[in-house]
Protein backbone atom coordinates (compact mmCIF):
# COMPACT_ATOMS: atom_id res chain seq x y z
CA UNK A 1 39.18 50.10 -40.53
CA UNK A 2 35.24 50.66 -40.45
CA UNK A 3 35.63 54.26 -42.05
CA UNK A 4 37.24 52.40 -45.21
CA UNK A 5 33.95 49.98 -45.28
CA UNK A 6 31.47 52.83 -44.44
CA UNK A 7 32.37 55.74 -46.68
CA UNK A 8 30.92 59.11 -45.93
CA UNK A 9 29.41 60.41 -49.10
CA UNK A 10 29.42 64.33 -48.98
CA UNK A 11 28.10 65.02 -52.68
CA UNK A 12 26.02 62.93 -55.10
CA UNK A 13 29.14 62.92 -57.36
CA UNK A 14 30.82 60.69 -54.59
CA UNK A 15 27.91 58.06 -54.74
CA UNK A 16 28.65 55.01 -56.78
CA UNK A 17 27.26 55.49 -60.34
CA UNK A 18 24.73 52.73 -59.99
CA UNK A 19 23.13 54.42 -56.78
CA UNK A 20 23.36 58.14 -58.07
CA UNK A 21 19.95 58.23 -59.86
CA UNK A 22 18.18 56.93 -56.80
CA UNK A 23 20.23 59.25 -54.46
CA UNK A 24 18.94 62.26 -56.42
CA UNK A 25 15.37 61.08 -56.16
CA UNK A 26 15.72 60.64 -52.36
CA UNK A 27 17.37 63.99 -52.05
CA UNK A 28 14.68 65.55 -54.12
CA UNK A 29 11.88 64.28 -51.86
CA UNK A 30 13.74 65.02 -48.67
CA UNK A 31 14.43 61.62 -47.59
CA UNK A 32 18.17 62.20 -47.34
CA UNK A 33 19.46 65.87 -46.69
CA UNK A 34 22.78 67.44 -46.38
CA UNK A 35 24.43 68.77 -43.17
CA UNK A 36 24.21 72.48 -44.14
CA UNK A 37 27.60 72.46 -45.75
CA UNK A 38 27.46 69.44 -47.93
CA UNK A 39 24.98 68.15 -50.40
CA UNK A 40 24.01 64.87 -48.78
CA UNK A 41 26.59 64.02 -45.98
CA UNK A 42 25.55 60.35 -45.67
CA UNK A 43 27.31 57.31 -44.64
CA UNK A 44 27.27 54.22 -47.32
CA UNK A 45 25.12 52.06 -45.05
CA UNK A 46 22.53 54.72 -44.49
CA UNK A 47 22.33 55.45 -48.17
CA UNK A 48 22.16 51.59 -48.96
CA UNK A 49 19.29 51.31 -46.43
CA UNK A 50 17.34 54.12 -47.86
CA UNK A 51 17.89 52.94 -51.48
CA UNK A 52 16.68 49.36 -50.49
CA UNK A 53 13.71 50.67 -48.43
CA UNK A 54 12.54 52.66 -51.57
CA UNK A 55 13.01 49.44 -53.78
CA UNK A 56 10.95 47.53 -51.40
CA UNK A 57 8.21 50.12 -51.28
CA UNK A 58 7.95 50.08 -54.90
CA UNK A 59 7.78 46.38 -55.18
CA UNK A 60 5.05 46.40 -52.45
CA UNK A 61 3.11 48.85 -54.60
CA UNK A 62 3.36 46.93 -57.85
CA UNK A 63 5.95 49.06 -59.49
CA UNK A 64 9.33 47.99 -60.85
CA UNK A 65 12.19 48.71 -58.38
């Protein structure tokens, strides 16, 4: 059941549309990486953590999230 709640995204195209732009930025900056075979290979919870951390960092530096 946990696998259904914590999807493994292998490529940006599998990431929900609202997160894709931020996932691409995180990929570009090396925050998230693939596994050698797949573009990103990251679990939903880990990607969400990375995105939220990026948004918090932007707010703390006086930028829009």
